[in-house]
Amino acid sequence: MALTLGGCASTSSVVMHQTLGGPKVAILPLEGPLGAQAVDFLSSELGDKGIAVVERAKLIPLIAVDTDLSPTSPAAVQSFARYGEALDVRYLFAGTVSAVPGPLYSYPHVNMTLRLIDVRSGQTVWLGRYGNPLWSSAISTQGDVQRGARDLVAEFVKVGGLALLAK
């Protein structure tokens, strides 16, 4: 009798459906050590909902010269408008990702704040938060980042985010 053990790997993919004039956004680099990973997960989740995300390679040269992109900065409003024009988007996602130690031997918990900013006005038009310090991520911090991206995008869609982007 032979016993074969296979790995527990999983694979997934998303076909990015974008029609001409369909919803498209850009995601600014998220603050925090897990920010780049969160952007990847958010891009995938948004793509799964039919929202095209401007690739990071197009965004990085634009933001390389800006040092203060906090929404309260007067320079940020001008930068957001410039980004929107250059990337052909009306909205940008910005935010933070942090990890806080979990109880006992659990993995760190992820907290994410995501804002959707109208590039014309610089105003935040949607704000989402993810995180629960009482819940144990159990599997991994990376899994918690992925769960946070999935939950934030699901919440964005649930409250009418797709209709907002279509305007």
C-alpha atoms as a PDB file:
ATOM      1  CA  MET A   1       0.000   0.000   0.000  1.00  0.00           C
ATOM      2  CA  ALA A   2       1.453   3.318  -1.048  1.00  0.00           C
ATOM      3  CA  LEU A   3       0.667   6.584   0.632  1.00  0.00           C
ATOM      4  CA  THR A   4       1.161   9.786  -1.284  1.00  0.00           C
ATOM      5  CA  LEU A   5       1.235  13.064   0.536  1.00  0.00           C
ATOM      6  CA  GLY A   6       0.585  16.210  -1.436  1.00  0.00           C
ATOM      7  CA  GLY A   7       1.259  19.770  -0.479  1.00  0.00           C
ATOM      8  CA  CYS A   8      -1.466  22.073   0.705  1.00  0.00           C
ATOM      9  CA  ALA A   9      -0.789  24.714  -1.901  1.00  0.00           C
ATOM     10  CA  SER A  10      -3.624  26.615  -3.477  1.00  0.00           C
ATOM     11  CA  THR A  11      -3.746  28.654  -6.615  1.00  0.00           C
ATOM     12  CA  SER A  12      -6.154  31.361  -7.658  1.00  0.00           C
ATOM     13  CA  SER A  13      -6.386  33.827 -10.490  1.00  0.00           C
ATOM     14  CA  VAL A  14      -8.453  36.804 -11.495  1.00  0.00           C
ATOM     15  CA  VAL A  15      -9.267  37.913 -15.013  1.00  0.00           C
ATOM     16  CA  MET A  16      -9.310  41.698 -15.023  1.00  0.00           C
ATOM     17  CA  HIS A  17     -12.478  42.731 -16.820  1.00  0.00           C
ATOM     18  CA  GLN A  18     -12.294  46.337 -17.849  1.00  0.00           C
ATOM     19  CA  THR A  19     -14.435  47.790 -20.523  1.00  0.00           C
ATOM     20  CA  LEU A  20     -13.715  51.183 -22.005  1.00  0.00           C
ATOM     21  CA  GLY A  21     -14.919  53.721 -19.503  1.00  0.00           C
ATOM     22  CA  GLY A  22     -15.314  51.077 -16.773  1.00  0.00           C
ATOM     23  CA  PRO A  23     -14.360  51.787 -13.177  1.00  0.00           C
ATOM     24  CA  LYS A  24     -10.642  52.300 -12.620  1.00  0.00           C
ATOM     25  CA  VAL A  25      -8.746  53.397  -9.521  1.00  0.00           C
ATOM     26  CA  ALA A  26      -5.190  53.778  -8.329  1.00  0.00           C
ATOM     27  CA  ILE A  27      -3.871  52.635  -4.977  1.00  0.00           C
ATOM     28  CA  LEU A  28      -1.226  54.822  -3.399  1.00  0.00           C
ATOM     29  CA  PRO A  29       1.465  52.922  -1.490  1.00  0.00           C
ATOM     30  CA  LEU A  30      -0.099  52.080   1.872  1.00  0.00           C
ATOM     31  CA  GLU A  31       1.795  53.205   4.946  1.00  0.00           C
ATOM     32  CA  GLY A  32       3.285  50.531   7.170  1.00  0.00           C
ATOM     33  CA  PRO A  33       5.573  47.516   6.771  1.00  0.00           C
ATOM     34  CA  LEU A  34       2.758  45.365   5.345  1.00  0.00           C
ATOM     35  CA  GLY A  35       1.595  48.058   2.916  1.00  0.00           C
ATOM     36  CA  ALA A  36       3.023  46.614  -0.307  1.00  0.00           C
ATOM     37  CA  GLN A  37       1.553  43.208   0.454  1.00  0.00           C
ATOM     38  CA  ALA A  38      -1.843  44.768   1.222  1.00  0.00           C
ATOM     39  CA  VAL A  39      -1.796  46.692  -2.091  1.00  0.00           C
ATOM     40  CA  ASP A  40      -1.291  43.411  -3.964  1.00  0.00           C
ATOM     41  CA  PHE A  41      -4.214  41.766  -2.168  1.00  0.00           C
ATOM     42  CA  LEU A  42      -6.443  44.838  -2.605  1.00  0.00           C
ATOM     43  CA  SER A  43      -5.637  44.990  -6.326  1.00  0.00           C
ATOM     44  CA  SER A  44      -6.642  41.365  -6.725  1.00  0.00           C
ATOM     45  CA  GLU A  45      -9.869  41.776  -4.752  1.00  0.00           C
ATOM     46  CA  LEU A  46     -10.839  44.931  -6.654  1.00  0.00           C
ATOM     47  CA  GLY A  47     -10.094  43.200  -9.952  1.00  0.00           C
ATOM     48  CA  ASP A  48     -12.336  40.349  -8.906  1.00  0.00           C
ATOM     49  CA  LYS A  49     -15.150  42.912  -8.555  1.00  0.00           C
ATOM     50  CA  GLY A  50     -14.506  44.322 -12.041  1.00  0.00           C
ATOM     51  CA  ILE A  51     -12.539  47.365 -10.925  1.00  0.00           C
ATOM     52  CA  ALA A  52      -9.312  47.951 -12.832  1.00  0.00           C
ATOM     53  CA  VAL A  53      -6.350  49.090 -10.743  1.00  0.00           C
ATOM     54  CA  VAL A  54      -3.567  51.210 -12.218  1.00  0.00           C
ATOM     55  CA  GLU A  55      -0.339  49.262 -11.974  1.00  0.00           C
ATOM     56  CA  ARG A  56       2.207  50.356  -9.394  1.00  0.00           C
ATOM     57  CA  ALA A  57       4.851  50.858 -12.112  1.00  0.00           C
ATOM     58  CA  LYS A  58       2.817  53.769 -13.512  1.00  0.00           C
ATOM     59  CA  LEU A  59       2.193  55.283 -10.081  1.00  0.00           C
ATOM     60  CA  ILE A  60       5.660  55.185  -8.511  1.00  0.00           C
ATOM     61  CA  PRO A  61       7.354  57.730 -10.849  1.00  0.00           C
ATOM     62  CA  LEU A  62       4.549  60.198 -10.141  1.00  0.00           C
ATOM     63  CA  ILE A  63       4.698  59.996  -6.375  1.00  0.00           C
ATOM     64  CA  ALA A  64       8.476  59.749  -6.046  1.00  0.00           C
ATOM     65  CA  VAL A  65       8.773  63.522  -5.669  1.00  0.00           C
ATOM     66  CA  ASP A  66       5.959  63.937  -3.126  1.00  0.00           C
ATOM     67  CA  THR A  67       6.879  63.549   0.528  1.00  0.00           C
ATOM     68  CA  ASP A  68       3.629  64.529   2.278  1.00  0.00           C
ATOM     69  CA  LEU A  69       0.523  62.822   0.951  1.00  0.00           C
ATOM     70  CA  SER A  70      -1.627  63.112   4.061  1.00  0.00           C
ATOM     71  CA  PRO A  71      -5.132  64.229   3.046  1.00  0.00           C
ATOM     72  CA  THR A  72      -4.824  67.337   5.224  1.00  0.00           C
ATOM     73  CA  SER A  73      -1.769  68.593   3.361  1.00  0.00           C
ATOM     74  CA  PRO A  74      -2.567  71.380   0.856  1.00  0.00           C
ATOM     75  CA  ALA A  75       0.163  69.991  -1.411  1.00  0.00           C
ATOM     76  CA  ALA A  76      -1.561  66.591  -1.363  1.00  0.00           C
ATOM     77  CA  VAL A  77      -4.744  67.969  -2.943  1.00  0.00           C
ATOM     78  CA  GLN A  78      -2.719  69.334  -5.866  1.00  0.00           C
ATOM     79  CA  SER A  79      -0.793  66.062  -6.095  1.00  0.00           C
ATOM     80  CA  PHE A  80      -3.990  64.002  -6.084  1.00  0.00           C
ATOM     81  CA  ALA A  81      -5.379  66.073  -8.966  1.00  0.00           C
ATOM     82  CA  ARG A  82      -2.120  65.609 -10.887  1.00  0.00           C
ATOM     83  CA  TYR A  83      -2.159  61.858 -10.260  1.00  0.00           C
ATOM     84  CA  GLY A  84      -5.772  61.591 -11.367  1.00  0.00           C
ATOM     85  CA  GLU A  85      -5.068  63.388 -14.619  1.00  0.00           C
ATOM     86  CA  ALA A  86      -1.878  61.475 -15.384  1.00  0.00           C
ATOM     87  CA  LEU A  87      -3.410  58.084 -14.554  1.00  0.00           C
ATOM     88  CA  ASP A  88      -6.871  58.815 -15.954  1.00  0.00           C
ATOM     89  CA  VAL A  89      -8.604  58.047 -12.647  1.00  0.00           C
ATOM     90  CA  ARG A  90     -11.016  60.032 -10.534  1.00  0.00           C
ATOM     91  CA  TYR A  91     -10.373  58.126  -7.302  1.00  0.00           C
ATOM     92  CA  LEU A  92      -7.317  56.997  -5.348  1.00  0.00           C
ATOM     93  CA  PHE A  93      -7.173  54.570  -2.451  1.00  0.00           C
ATOM     94  CA  ALA A  94      -4.794  55.520   0.361  1.00  0.00           C
ATOM     95  CA  GLY A  95      -4.346  54.190   3.867  1.00  0.00           C
ATOM     96  CA  THR A  96      -2.322  52.386   6.476  1.00  0.00           C
ATOM     97  CA  VAL A  97      -1.604  48.812   7.484  1.00  0.00           C
ATOM     98  CA  SER A  98      -0.174  47.915  10.865  1.00  0.00           C
ATOM     99  CA  ALA A  99       0.354  44.773  12.877  1.00  0.00           C
ATOM    100  CA  VAL A 100      -0.040  44.594  16.629  1.00  0.00           C
ATOM    101  CA  PRO A 101       1.062  41.691  18.803  1.00  0.00           C
ATOM    102  CA  GLY A 102      -1.637  39.097  19.397  1.00  0.00           C
ATOM    103  CA  PRO A 103      -2.417  37.413  22.715  1.00  0.00           C
ATOM    104  CA  LEU A 104      -0.006  34.742  23.951  1.00  0.00           C
ATOM    105  CA  TYR A 105       1.492  32.863  21.002  1.00  0.00           C
ATOM    106  CA  SER A 106      -0.780  34.012  18.202  1.00  0.00           C
ATOM    107  CA  TYR A 107       0.429  35.864  15.154  1.00  0.00           C
ATOM    108  CA  PRO A 108       0.267  39.663  15.089  1.00  0.00           C
ATOM    109  CA  HIS A 109      -3.144  41.117  14.289  1.00  0.00           C
ATOM    110  CA  VAL A 110      -3.539  43.340  11.254  1.00  0.00           C
ATOM    111  CA  ASN A 111      -5.280  46.689  11.337  1.00  0.00           C
ATOM    112  CA  MET A 112      -6.053  48.389   8.038  1.00  0.00           C
ATOM    113  CA  THR A 113      -7.553  51.760   7.269  1.00  0.00           C
ATOM    114  CA  LEU A 114      -8.454  52.455   3.664  1.00  0.00           C
ATOM    115  CA  ARG A 115      -9.704  55.784   2.273  1.00  0.00           C
ATOM    116  CA  LEU A 116     -11.102  56.511  -1.159  1.00  0.00           C
ATOM    117  CA  ILE A 117     -10.098  60.023  -2.175  1.00  0.00           C
ATOM    118  CA  ASP A 118     -11.750  62.075  -4.922  1.00  0.00           C
ATOM    119  CA  VAL A 119      -8.782  63.501  -6.854  1.00  0.00           C
ATOM    120  CA  ARG A 120     -10.734  66.613  -7.890  1.00  0.00           C
ATOM    121  CA  SER A 121     -11.465  67.801  -4.367  1.00  0.00           C
ATOM    122  CA  GLY A 122      -8.947  65.868  -2.265  1.00  0.00           C
ATOM    123  CA  GLN A 123     -11.830  64.806  -0.023  1.00  0.00           C
ATOM    124  CA  THR A 124     -12.266  61.349   1.430  1.00  0.00           C
ATOM    125  CA  VAL A 125     -15.531  59.920   0.084  1.00  0.00           C
ATOM    126  CA  TRP A 126     -15.307  56.473   1.718  1.00  0.00           C
ATOM    127  CA  LEU A 127     -13.481  55.161   4.747  1.00  0.00           C
ATOM    128  CA  GLY A 128     -13.119  51.519   5.722  1.00  0.00           C
ATOM    129  CA  ARG A 129     -11.428  49.921   8.711  1.00  0.00           C
ATOM    130  CA  TYR A 130     -10.425  46.332   9.372  1.00  0.00           C
ATOM    131  CA  GLY A 131      -9.061  44.772  12.524  1.00  0.00           C
ATOM    132  CA  ASN A 132     -10.070  43.135  15.759  1.00  0.00           C
ATOM    133  CA  PRO A 133      -7.420  42.780  18.480  1.00  0.00           C
ATOM    134  CA  LEU A 134      -9.548  40.228  20.359  1.00  0.00           C
ATOM    135  CA  TRP A 135      -9.630  37.812  17.438  1.00  0.00           C
ATOM    136  CA  SER A 136      -6.684  35.490  16.860  1.00  0.00           C
ATOM    137  CA  SER A 137      -5.531  35.342  13.255  1.00  0.00           C
ATOM    138  CA  ALA A 138      -4.418  31.777  14.062  1.00  0.00           C
ATOM    139  CA  ILE A 139      -2.985  30.953  10.632  1.00  0.00           C
ATOM    140  CA  SER A 140      -0.638  33.828   9.781  1.00  0.00           C
ATOM    141  CA  THR A 141      -0.249  37.568   9.616  1.00  0.00           C
ATOM    142  CA  GLN A 142      -0.201  37.315   5.810  1.00  0.00           C
ATOM    143  CA  GLY A 143      -3.553  35.540   5.961  1.00  0.00           C
ATOM    144  CA  ASP A 144      -4.901  38.374   8.095  1.00  0.00           C
ATOM    145  CA  VAL A 145      -3.693  40.952   5.528  1.00  0.00           C
ATOM    146  CA  GLN A 146      -5.446  38.967   2.802  1.00  0.00           C
ATOM    147  CA  ARG A 147      -8.619  38.669   4.897  1.00  0.00           C
ATOM    148  CA  GLY A 148      -8.501  42.408   5.589  1.00  0.00           C
ATOM    149  CA  ALA A 149      -8.250  43.230   1.874  1.00  0.00           C
ATOM    150  CA  ARG A 150     -11.109  40.857   1.055  1.00  0.00           C
ATOM    151  CA  ASP A 151     -13.331  42.225   3.827  1.00  0.00           C
ATOM    152  CA  LEU A 152     -12.616  45.883   3.015  1.00  0.00           C
ATOM    153  CA  VAL A 153     -13.380  45.432  -0.689  1.00  0.00           C
ATOM    154  CA  ALA A 154     -16.544  43.463   0.145  1.00  0.00           C
ATOM    155  CA  GLU A 155     -17.654  46.281   2.461  1.00  0.00           C
ATOM    156  CA  PHE A 156     -16.830  48.895  -0.184  1.00  0.00           C
ATOM    157  CA  VAL A 157     -19.008  47.062  -2.711  1.00  0.00           C
ATOM    158  CA  LYS A 158     -21.778  46.465  -0.156  1.00  0.00           C
ATOM    159  CA  VAL A 159     -22.186  50.163   0.627  1.00  0.00           C
ATOM    160  CA  GLY A 160     -22.358  51.204  -3.045  1.00  0.00           C
ATOM    161  CA  GLY A 161     -18.726  51.741  -3.926  1.00  0.00           C
ATOM    162  CA  LEU A 162     -19.168  50.418  -7.479  1.00  0.00           C
ATOM    163  CA  ALA A 163     -21.889  53.001  -8.160  1.00  0.00           C
ATOM    164  CA  LEU A 164     -19.635  55.724  -6.768  1.00  0.00           C
ATOM    165  CA  LEU A 165     -16.793  54.737  -9.094  1.00  0.00           C
ATOM    166  CA  ALA A 166     -19.137  54.670 -12.106  1.00  0.00           C
ATOM    167  CA  LYS A 167     -19.980  58.369 -11.727  1.00  0.00           C
END
